[in-house]
Amino acid sequence: MNTIINGKFYINTEYTQIINGEEIDLPCPKEMHQRAMRQLMLTLYDHVETYQLGVIYRLPLDVVFEENFNVLQPDFLFVSMRNINIVQDVIHGTPDLVIEVVSPEMLDMDTVIKKGIYEQYGVPECWLVYPERVCIEVYTLVDERYTLLGSYAGEEHVRSQVLKGLSFPVNVINE
């Protein structure tokens, strides 16, 4: 199916999400997005597996917050061992961490709409990754609202409250 986002035409839409009851087809991630995802997957998978923290998934995998109303596909999600019961054929419930790699054409979708839904359903930590800016923002849930834990850029090391002990330089996302 073809789609138009912010006045731009995209073909080869690969995945659909249900956002506030509306089915939305989203465009395939571009090369820079894919590169950032590859590097993040290597980094996150290594950390999660080494310390046996739980499981990390990348899209496409549905996270069913509310059947037929909010079914999202974050670029990455992490489910801790204590929360592993939400892992079924898809994720039924609230992951411990979600990560959105933000593309310019998806800026509002990822940073406002989807981030707001993650906050609404109580996802403890949400990352917004900006490959073009070589920046990662980490938000944590405090009193049911997201608070910026840190904004990291370039050679600064990302920190996470959910993935204890994780530390890596942001610029790894563009390698």
N, C-alpha and C. Protein backbone atom coordinates (compact mmCIF):
# COMPACT_ATOMS: atom_id res chain seq x y z
N MET A 1 0.83 -1.18 0.00
CA MET A 1 0.00 0.00 0.00
C MET A 1 0.88 1.24 0.00
N ASN A 2 0.47 2.27 -0.72
CA ASN A 2 1.19 3.53 -0.74
C ASN A 2 0.61 4.46 0.32
N THR A 3 1.43 5.39 0.79
CA THR A 3 0.96 6.30 1.83
C THR A 3 1.61 7.67 1.66
N ILE A 4 0.97 8.69 2.20
CA ILE A 4 1.51 10.05 2.18
C ILE A 4 1.63 10.52 3.62
N ILE A 5 2.83 10.96 4.01
CA ILE A 5 3.08 11.51 5.34
C ILE A 5 3.78 12.84 5.16
N ASN A 6 3.23 13.86 5.81
CA ASN A 6 3.79 15.22 5.71
C ASN A 6 4.02 15.64 4.26
N GLY A 7 3.07 15.28 3.38
CA GLY A 7 3.12 15.70 1.99
C GLY A 7 4.08 14.90 1.12
N LYS A 8 4.74 13.87 1.67
CA LYS A 8 5.67 13.06 0.89
C LYS A 8 5.04 11.71 0.61
N PHE A 9 5.25 11.21 -0.59
CA PHE A 9 4.68 9.95 -1.05
C PHE A 9 5.67 8.81 -0.79
N TYR A 10 5.20 7.73 -0.19
CA TYR A 10 6.05 6.57 0.10
C TYR A 10 5.40 5.33 -0.48
N ILE A 11 6.24 4.43 -1.01
CA ILE A 11 5.74 3.14 -1.48
C ILE A 11 6.35 2.05 -0.61
N ASN A 12 5.86 0.84 -0.78
CA ASN A 12 6.36 -0.32 -0.05
C ASN A 12 6.18 -0.17 1.46
N THR A 13 5.03 0.30 1.87
CA THR A 13 4.73 0.35 3.30
C THR A 13 4.71 -1.06 3.82
N GLU A 14 5.45 -1.33 4.90
CA GLU A 14 5.59 -2.68 5.38
C GLU A 14 4.84 -2.96 6.66
N TYR A 15 4.53 -1.99 7.46
CA TYR A 15 3.91 -2.34 8.72
C TYR A 15 2.80 -1.37 9.10
N THR A 16 1.86 -1.93 9.82
CA THR A 16 0.66 -1.19 10.22
C THR A 16 0.58 -1.17 11.73
N GLN A 17 0.15 -0.04 12.27
CA GLN A 17 -0.06 0.08 13.69
C GLN A 17 -1.46 0.62 13.91
N ILE A 18 -2.02 0.36 15.08
CA ILE A 18 -3.31 0.93 15.45
C ILE A 18 -3.04 1.96 16.53
N ILE A 19 -3.32 3.22 16.20
CA ILE A 19 -3.02 4.33 17.10
C ILE A 19 -4.32 5.05 17.39
N ASN A 20 -4.70 5.01 18.66
CA ASN A 20 -5.95 5.62 19.11
C ASN A 20 -7.14 5.18 18.26
N GLY A 21 -7.18 3.88 17.97
CA GLY A 21 -8.29 3.29 17.24
C GLY A 21 -8.22 3.40 15.74
N GLU A 22 -7.20 4.07 15.20
CA GLU A 22 -7.07 4.25 13.75
C GLU A 22 -5.91 3.41 13.21
N GLU A 23 -6.19 2.60 12.19
CA GLU A 23 -5.15 1.81 11.56
C GLU A 23 -4.30 2.71 10.67
N ILE A 24 -2.98 2.68 10.91
CA ILE A 24 -2.07 3.57 10.20
C ILE A 24 -0.95 2.75 9.57
N ASP A 25 -0.78 2.92 8.25
CA ASP A 25 0.33 2.29 7.55
C ASP A 25 1.52 3.24 7.60
N LEU A 26 2.67 2.70 7.98
CA LEU A 26 3.86 3.52 8.10
C LEU A 26 4.90 3.12 7.06
N PRO A 27 5.70 4.07 6.59
CA PRO A 27 6.69 3.78 5.55
C PRO A 27 7.85 2.92 6.09
N CYS A 28 8.51 2.24 5.19
CA CYS A 28 9.70 1.47 5.54
C CYS A 28 10.78 2.43 6.03
N PRO A 29 11.54 2.01 7.04
CA PRO A 29 12.66 2.84 7.49
C PRO A 29 13.72 2.97 6.40
N LYS A 30 14.33 4.14 6.32
CA LYS A 30 15.38 4.41 5.33
C LYS A 30 16.74 3.90 5.82
N GLU A 31 17.77 4.06 5.00
CA GLU A 31 19.09 3.49 5.28
C GLU A 31 19.68 3.98 6.60
N MET A 32 19.65 5.27 6.88
CA MET A 32 20.24 5.80 8.11
C MET A 32 19.52 5.23 9.33
N HIS A 33 18.22 5.12 9.22
CA HIS A 33 17.39 4.53 10.27
C HIS A 33 17.81 3.07 10.49
N GLN A 34 17.96 2.33 9.39
CA GLN A 34 18.35 0.93 9.46
C GLN A 34 19.75 0.76 10.08
N ARG A 35 20.66 1.64 9.70
CA ARG A 35 22.03 1.57 10.25
C ARG A 35 22.01 1.79 11.76
N ALA A 36 21.27 2.79 12.21
CA ALA A 36 21.16 3.04 13.65
C ALA A 36 20.53 1.84 14.36
N MET A 37 19.52 1.25 13.74
CA MET A 37 18.87 0.08 14.33
C MET A 37 19.85 -1.09 14.45
N ARG A 38 20.64 -1.31 13.40
CA ARG A 38 21.61 -2.41 13.42
C ARG A 38 22.60 -2.24 14.57
N GLN A 39 23.15 -1.03 14.69
CA GLN A 39 24.15 -0.78 15.72
C GLN A 39 23.53 -0.86 17.13
N LEU A 40 22.33 -0.34 17.28
CA LEU A 40 21.66 -0.45 18.58
C LEU A 40 21.37 -1.90 18.93
N MET A 41 20.93 -2.68 17.95
CA MET A 41 20.62 -4.08 18.21
C MET A 41 21.85 -4.82 18.72
N LEU A 42 22.99 -4.60 18.08
CA LEU A 42 24.22 -5.27 18.50
C LEU A 42 24.57 -4.87 19.94
N THR A 43 24.49 -3.59 20.23
CA THR A 43 24.84 -3.09 21.55
C THR A 43 23.88 -3.58 22.62
N LEU A 44 22.59 -3.44 22.37
CA LEU A 44 21.58 -3.82 23.36
C LEU A 44 21.54 -5.33 23.57
N TYR A 45 21.58 -6.08 22.47
CA TYR A 45 21.51 -7.53 22.58
C TYR A 45 22.68 -8.06 23.42
N ASP A 46 23.87 -7.55 23.14
CA ASP A 46 25.05 -7.99 23.88
C ASP A 46 24.88 -7.75 25.38
N HIS A 47 24.41 -6.57 25.75
CA HIS A 47 24.24 -6.22 27.16
C HIS A 47 23.16 -7.08 27.82
N VAL A 48 22.01 -7.18 27.18
CA VAL A 48 20.88 -7.93 27.73
C VAL A 48 21.24 -9.41 27.89
N GLU A 49 21.91 -9.98 26.90
CA GLU A 49 22.29 -11.39 26.96
C GLU A 49 23.39 -11.64 27.99
N THR A 50 24.40 -10.77 28.01
CA THR A 50 25.51 -10.95 28.95
C THR A 50 25.02 -10.98 30.39
N TYR A 51 24.08 -10.10 30.73
CA TYR A 51 23.60 -10.00 32.11
C TYR A 51 22.27 -10.72 32.33
N GLN A 52 21.80 -11.44 31.31
CA GLN A 52 20.55 -12.20 31.38
C GLN A 52 19.42 -11.38 32.00
N LEU A 53 19.20 -10.20 31.41
CA LEU A 53 18.22 -9.26 31.94
C LEU A 53 16.79 -9.54 31.47
N GLY A 54 16.66 -10.18 30.32
CA GLY A 54 15.35 -10.40 29.73
C GLY A 54 15.51 -10.61 28.24
N VAL A 55 14.58 -10.03 27.45
CA VAL A 55 14.65 -10.18 26.00
C VAL A 55 14.49 -8.82 25.33
N ILE A 56 15.19 -8.67 24.22
CA ILE A 56 15.09 -7.45 23.42
C ILE A 56 14.53 -7.86 22.06
N TYR A 57 13.59 -7.07 21.56
CA TYR A 57 12.99 -7.33 20.25
C TYR A 57 13.10 -6.07 19.41
N ARG A 58 13.06 -6.27 18.08
CA ARG A 58 13.02 -5.14 17.17
C ARG A 58 11.81 -5.30 16.27
N LEU A 59 11.40 -4.22 15.63
CA LEU A 59 10.21 -4.30 14.79
C LEU A 59 10.44 -5.22 13.61
N PRO A 60 9.45 -5.80 13.05
CA PRO A 60 8.04 -5.65 13.38
C PRO A 60 7.59 -6.67 14.45
N LEU A 61 7.09 -6.19 15.55
CA LEU A 61 6.46 -6.99 16.59
C LEU A 61 5.43 -6.12 17.27
N ASP A 62 4.19 -6.59 17.29
CA ASP A 62 3.11 -5.80 17.89
C ASP A 62 3.21 -5.78 19.41
N VAL A 63 2.99 -4.59 19.97
CA VAL A 63 2.80 -4.43 21.40
C VAL A 63 1.34 -4.04 21.57
N VAL A 64 0.57 -4.95 22.14
CA VAL A 64 -0.86 -4.73 22.30
C VAL A 64 -1.09 -4.11 23.68
N PHE A 65 -1.27 -2.80 23.67
CA PHE A 65 -1.61 -2.09 24.90
C PHE A 65 -3.10 -2.23 25.18
N GLU A 66 -3.86 -2.08 24.11
CA GLU A 66 -5.32 -2.16 24.20
C GLU A 66 -5.83 -2.67 22.85
N GLU A 67 -6.40 -3.87 22.86
CA GLU A 67 -6.84 -4.54 21.64
C GLU A 67 -7.68 -3.62 20.76
N ASN A 68 -7.32 -3.55 19.47
CA ASN A 68 -8.03 -2.76 18.46
C ASN A 68 -8.07 -1.26 18.74
N PHE A 69 -7.26 -0.78 19.68
CA PHE A 69 -7.22 0.65 19.94
C PHE A 69 -5.79 1.18 19.92
N ASN A 70 -4.88 0.56 20.66
CA ASN A 70 -3.47 0.95 20.62
C ASN A 70 -2.60 -0.30 20.53
N VAL A 71 -2.16 -0.57 19.30
CA VAL A 71 -1.27 -1.68 19.00
C VAL A 71 -0.10 -1.06 18.23
N LEU A 72 1.03 -0.91 18.90
CA LEU A 72 2.17 -0.20 18.32
C LEU A 72 3.32 -1.15 18.03
N GLN A 73 4.23 -0.70 17.18
CA GLN A 73 5.45 -1.42 16.86
C GLN A 73 6.64 -0.49 17.06
N PRO A 74 7.16 -0.43 18.30
CA PRO A 74 8.36 0.38 18.49
C PRO A 74 9.53 -0.24 17.73
N ASP A 75 10.54 0.56 17.43
CA ASP A 75 11.72 0.02 16.75
C ASP A 75 12.37 -1.06 17.59
N PHE A 76 12.43 -0.84 18.90
CA PHE A 76 12.94 -1.83 19.85
C PHE A 76 12.06 -1.83 21.08
N LEU A 77 12.04 -2.98 21.73
CA LEU A 77 11.41 -3.05 23.05
C LEU A 77 12.18 -4.06 23.87
N PHE A 78 12.17 -3.83 25.16
CA PHE A 78 12.84 -4.72 26.11
C PHE A 78 11.82 -5.17 27.13
N VAL A 79 11.84 -6.47 27.42
CA VAL A 79 10.99 -7.05 28.46
C VAL A 79 11.91 -7.74 29.46
N SER A 80 11.83 -7.31 30.71
CA SER A 80 12.67 -7.89 31.76
C SER A 80 12.18 -9.28 32.13
N MET A 81 13.03 -10.04 32.80
CA MET A 81 12.67 -11.39 33.23
C MET A 81 11.46 -11.36 34.17
N ARG A 82 11.34 -10.35 35.00
CA ARG A 82 10.20 -10.29 35.93
C ARG A 82 8.89 -9.99 35.23
N ASN A 83 8.96 -9.52 33.99
CA ASN A 83 7.78 -9.13 33.21
C ASN A 83 7.55 -10.06 32.01
N ILE A 84 8.29 -11.17 31.97
CA ILE A 84 8.35 -12.03 30.80
C ILE A 84 6.98 -12.63 30.41
N ASN A 85 6.04 -12.67 31.33
CA ASN A 85 4.72 -13.24 31.04
C ASN A 85 3.95 -12.46 29.98
N ILE A 86 4.35 -11.24 29.65
CA ILE A 86 3.65 -10.48 28.60
C ILE A 86 4.09 -10.91 27.20
N VAL A 87 5.16 -11.72 27.13
CA VAL A 87 5.66 -12.20 25.84
C VAL A 87 4.85 -13.43 25.45
N GLN A 88 4.08 -13.29 24.38
CA GLN A 88 3.29 -14.40 23.85
C GLN A 88 3.56 -14.44 22.35
N ASP A 89 2.54 -14.61 21.53
CA ASP A 89 2.75 -14.53 20.09
C ASP A 89 3.12 -13.10 19.69
N VAL A 90 2.60 -12.16 20.41
CA VAL A 90 2.96 -10.75 20.36
C VAL A 90 3.12 -10.30 21.81
N ILE A 91 3.42 -9.04 22.02
CA ILE A 91 3.56 -8.54 23.39
C ILE A 91 2.18 -8.07 23.86
N HIS A 92 1.67 -8.67 24.91
CA HIS A 92 0.37 -8.29 25.48
C HIS A 92 0.63 -7.62 26.82
N GLY A 93 0.77 -6.31 26.81
CA GLY A 93 1.04 -5.58 28.04
C GLY A 93 2.10 -4.53 27.83
N THR A 94 2.68 -4.11 28.92
CA THR A 94 3.61 -2.98 28.91
C THR A 94 5.06 -3.44 29.02
N PRO A 95 5.86 -3.21 27.97
CA PRO A 95 7.29 -3.53 28.05
C PRO A 95 7.99 -2.61 29.06
N ASP A 96 9.19 -2.99 29.45
CA ASP A 96 9.97 -2.19 30.40
C ASP A 96 10.64 -0.99 29.72
N LEU A 97 10.90 -1.12 28.42
CA LEU A 97 11.60 -0.08 27.66
C LEU A 97 11.16 -0.15 26.21
N VAL A 98 10.93 1.01 25.62
CA VAL A 98 10.68 1.11 24.18
C VAL A 98 11.66 2.12 23.61
N ILE A 99 12.04 1.88 22.35
CA ILE A 99 12.98 2.77 21.66
C ILE A 99 12.42 3.08 20.29
N GLU A 100 12.35 4.36 19.98
CA GLU A 100 11.94 4.82 18.65
C GLU A 100 13.13 5.50 18.00
N VAL A 101 13.52 5.00 16.82
CA VAL A 101 14.54 5.66 16.00
C VAL A 101 13.77 6.65 15.13
N VAL A 102 14.02 7.93 15.33
CA VAL A 102 13.21 8.99 14.74
C VAL A 102 13.74 9.40 13.37
N SER A 103 12.87 9.30 12.38
CA SER A 103 13.17 9.79 11.04
C SER A 103 12.49 11.15 10.87
N PRO A 104 13.05 12.03 10.05
CA PRO A 104 12.45 13.35 9.89
C PRO A 104 10.97 13.31 9.52
N GLU A 105 10.58 12.38 8.63
CA GLU A 105 9.18 12.31 8.20
C GLU A 105 8.27 11.73 9.27
N MET A 106 8.84 11.15 10.33
CA MET A 106 8.04 10.55 11.39
C MET A 106 8.20 11.29 12.72
N LEU A 107 8.74 12.50 12.67
CA LEU A 107 9.06 13.25 13.88
C LEU A 107 7.87 13.36 14.83
N ASP A 108 6.74 13.91 14.38
CA ASP A 108 5.58 14.06 15.26
C ASP A 108 5.01 12.73 15.70
N MET A 109 4.97 11.76 14.79
CA MET A 109 4.44 10.44 15.12
C MET A 109 5.22 9.80 16.27
N ASP A 110 6.55 9.83 16.17
CA ASP A 110 7.39 9.16 17.17
C ASP A 110 7.53 9.96 18.46
N THR A 111 7.74 11.28 18.34
CA THR A 111 8.09 12.08 19.52
C THR A 111 6.89 12.64 20.28
N VAL A 112 5.74 12.68 19.63
CA VAL A 112 4.55 13.21 20.30
C VAL A 112 3.51 12.11 20.48
N ILE A 113 3.03 11.56 19.38
CA ILE A 113 1.91 10.63 19.44
C ILE A 113 2.30 9.32 20.12
N LYS A 114 3.30 8.63 19.58
CA LYS A 114 3.68 7.33 20.14
C LYS A 114 4.28 7.48 21.54
N LYS A 115 5.11 8.49 21.74
CA LYS A 115 5.68 8.72 23.07
C LYS A 115 4.56 8.96 24.09
N GLY A 116 3.54 9.71 23.69
CA GLY A 116 2.39 9.95 24.56
C GLY A 116 1.64 8.68 24.92
N ILE A 117 1.52 7.78 23.95
CA ILE A 117 0.85 6.50 24.21
C ILE A 117 1.69 5.65 25.15
N TYR A 118 2.99 5.62 24.95
CA TYR A 118 3.86 4.86 25.86
C TYR A 118 3.73 5.40 27.29
N GLU A 119 3.69 6.71 27.41
CA GLU A 119 3.51 7.33 28.72
C GLU A 119 2.16 6.95 29.32
N GLN A 120 1.11 7.04 28.52
CA GLN A 120 -0.25 6.72 28.96
C GLN A 120 -0.36 5.30 29.52
N TYR A 121 0.33 4.35 28.89
CA TYR A 121 0.25 2.95 29.32
C TYR A 121 1.34 2.56 30.30
N GLY A 122 2.13 3.53 30.76
CA GLY A 122 3.08 3.29 31.83
C GLY A 122 4.36 2.57 31.48
N VAL A 123 4.87 2.76 30.25
CA VAL A 123 6.16 2.18 29.89
C VAL A 123 7.23 2.92 30.71
N PRO A 124 7.98 2.20 31.56
CA PRO A 124 8.91 2.86 32.48
C PRO A 124 9.99 3.72 31.81
N GLU A 125 10.46 3.32 30.62
CA GLU A 125 11.52 4.11 29.98
C GLU A 125 11.30 4.13 28.47
N CYS A 126 11.53 5.30 27.87
CA CYS A 126 11.35 5.50 26.43
C CYS A 126 12.56 6.27 25.91
N TRP A 127 13.17 5.73 24.84
CA TRP A 127 14.28 6.42 24.20
C TRP A 127 13.83 6.95 22.86
N LEU A 128 14.28 8.15 22.54
CA LEU A 128 14.12 8.71 21.20
C LEU A 128 15.52 8.86 20.62
N VAL A 129 15.75 8.17 19.52
CA VAL A 129 17.07 8.13 18.89
C VAL A 129 17.01 8.94 17.60
N TYR A 130 17.90 9.93 17.48
CA TYR A 130 17.96 10.81 16.32
C TYR A 130 19.27 10.56 15.56
N PRO A 131 19.26 9.68 14.56
CA PRO A 131 20.50 9.38 13.83
C PRO A 131 21.13 10.59 13.16
N GLU A 132 20.29 11.47 12.58
CA GLU A 132 20.83 12.65 11.86
C GLU A 132 21.56 13.60 12.81
N ARG A 133 21.09 13.69 14.04
CA ARG A 133 21.69 14.59 15.04
C ARG A 133 22.71 13.88 15.92
N VAL A 134 22.82 12.55 15.78
CA VAL A 134 23.66 11.71 16.62
C VAL A 134 23.34 12.02 18.09
N CYS A 135 22.07 11.80 18.43
CA CYS A 135 21.56 12.16 19.75
C CYS A 135 20.56 11.10 20.22
N ILE A 136 20.57 10.82 21.51
CA ILE A 136 19.59 9.92 22.12
C ILE A 136 19.04 10.60 23.37
N GLU A 137 17.71 10.70 23.42
CA GLU A 137 17.03 11.22 24.60
C GLU A 137 16.43 10.04 25.36
N VAL A 138 16.67 10.00 26.67
CA VAL A 138 16.14 8.93 27.51
C VAL A 138 15.14 9.55 28.48
N TYR A 139 13.90 9.04 28.41
CA TYR A 139 12.82 9.50 29.28
C TYR A 139 12.44 8.40 30.25
N THR A 140 12.21 8.78 31.50
CA THR A 140 11.74 7.81 32.50
C THR A 140 10.42 8.30 33.08
N LEU A 141 9.63 7.35 33.51
CA LEU A 141 8.32 7.65 34.06
C LEU A 141 8.45 8.06 35.53
N VAL A 142 8.01 9.27 35.83
CA VAL A 142 8.02 9.79 37.20
C VAL A 142 6.62 10.34 37.45
N ASP A 143 5.93 9.79 38.44
CA ASP A 143 4.56 10.21 38.75
C ASP A 143 3.67 10.18 37.50
N GLU A 144 3.78 9.08 36.73
CA GLU A 144 2.97 8.83 35.55
C GLU A 144 3.21 9.79 34.39
N ARG A 145 4.32 10.54 34.42
CA ARG A 145 4.69 11.46 33.34
C ARG A 145 6.15 11.21 32.99
N TYR A 146 6.48 11.38 31.70
CA TYR A 146 7.87 11.23 31.30
C TYR A 146 8.68 12.45 31.69
N THR A 147 9.84 12.15 32.25
CA THR A 147 10.82 13.16 32.61
C THR A 147 12.11 12.82 31.87
N LEU A 148 12.78 13.82 31.33
CA LEU A 148 14.03 13.60 30.61
C LEU A 148 15.12 13.20 31.59
N LEU A 149 15.57 11.95 31.49
CA LEU A 149 16.68 11.47 32.32
C LEU A 149 17.98 12.05 31.80
N GLY A 150 18.10 12.10 30.45
CA GLY A 150 19.31 12.65 29.86
C GLY A 150 19.19 12.75 28.36
N SER A 151 19.88 13.73 27.81
CA SER A 151 19.99 13.89 26.36
C SER A 151 21.47 13.75 26.05
N TYR A 152 21.81 12.73 25.29
CA TYR A 152 23.20 12.37 25.05
C TYR A 152 23.53 12.55 23.57
N ALA A 153 24.73 13.05 23.29
CA ALA A 153 25.13 13.29 21.90
C ALA A 153 26.59 12.93 21.70
N GLY A 154 26.91 12.64 20.43
CA GLY A 154 28.30 12.40 20.04
C GLY A 154 28.97 11.30 20.83
N GLU A 155 30.03 11.65 21.56
CA GLU A 155 30.81 10.67 22.32
C GLU A 155 30.29 10.47 23.74
N GLU A 156 29.23 11.20 24.13
CA GLU A 156 28.66 11.01 25.46
C GLU A 156 28.07 9.60 25.57
N HIS A 157 28.12 9.06 26.77
CA HIS A 157 27.64 7.71 27.00
C HIS A 157 26.19 7.71 27.48
N VAL A 158 25.38 6.90 26.82
CA VAL A 158 23.97 6.74 27.16
C VAL A 158 23.88 5.94 28.45
N ARG A 159 22.95 6.35 29.31
CA ARG A 159 22.66 5.65 30.56
C ARG A 159 21.18 5.30 30.58
N SER A 160 20.87 4.21 31.28
CA SER A 160 19.50 3.73 31.37
C SER A 160 19.22 3.30 32.80
N GLN A 161 18.03 3.61 33.29
CA GLN A 161 17.62 3.11 34.60
C GLN A 161 17.10 1.68 34.48
N VAL A 162 16.56 1.34 33.34
CA VAL A 162 15.99 0.01 33.13
C VAL A 162 17.08 -1.02 32.82
N LEU A 163 18.01 -0.69 31.95
CA LEU A 163 19.11 -1.59 31.59
C LEU A 163 20.33 -1.23 32.42
N LYS A 164 20.33 -1.69 33.66
CA LYS A 164 21.40 -1.37 34.61
C LYS A 164 22.77 -1.72 34.04
N GLY A 165 23.70 -0.79 34.22
CA GLY A 165 25.07 -1.01 33.79
C GLY A 165 25.34 -0.72 32.32
N LEU A 166 24.30 -0.45 31.55
CA LEU A 166 24.49 -0.16 30.13
C LEU A 166 25.16 1.20 29.96
N SER A 167 26.17 1.24 29.12
CA SER A 167 26.87 2.48 28.81
C SER A 167 27.52 2.31 27.45
N PHE A 168 27.18 3.22 26.53
CA PHE A 168 27.81 3.19 25.21
C PHE A 168 27.77 4.60 24.63
N PRO A 169 28.77 4.94 23.80
CA PRO A 169 28.78 6.27 23.19
C PRO A 169 27.69 6.37 22.10
N VAL A 170 27.03 7.50 22.05
CA VAL A 170 25.94 7.70 21.10
C VAL A 170 26.42 7.52 19.67
N ASN A 171 27.61 7.98 19.36
CA ASN A 171 28.06 7.94 17.97
C ASN A 171 28.20 6.52 17.41
N VAL A 172 28.02 5.49 18.23
CA VAL A 172 28.02 4.13 17.73
C VAL A 172 26.84 3.90 16.77
N ILE A 173 25.79 4.72 16.88
CA ILE A 173 24.60 4.52 16.04
C ILE A 173 24.86 4.83 14.57
N ASN A 174 25.92 5.56 14.29
CA ASN A 174 26.22 5.91 12.89
C ASN A 174 27.42 5.18 12.33
N GLU A 175 27.88 4.15 13.01
CA GLU A 175 29.04 3.39 12.51
C GLU A 175 28.63 2.44 11.43
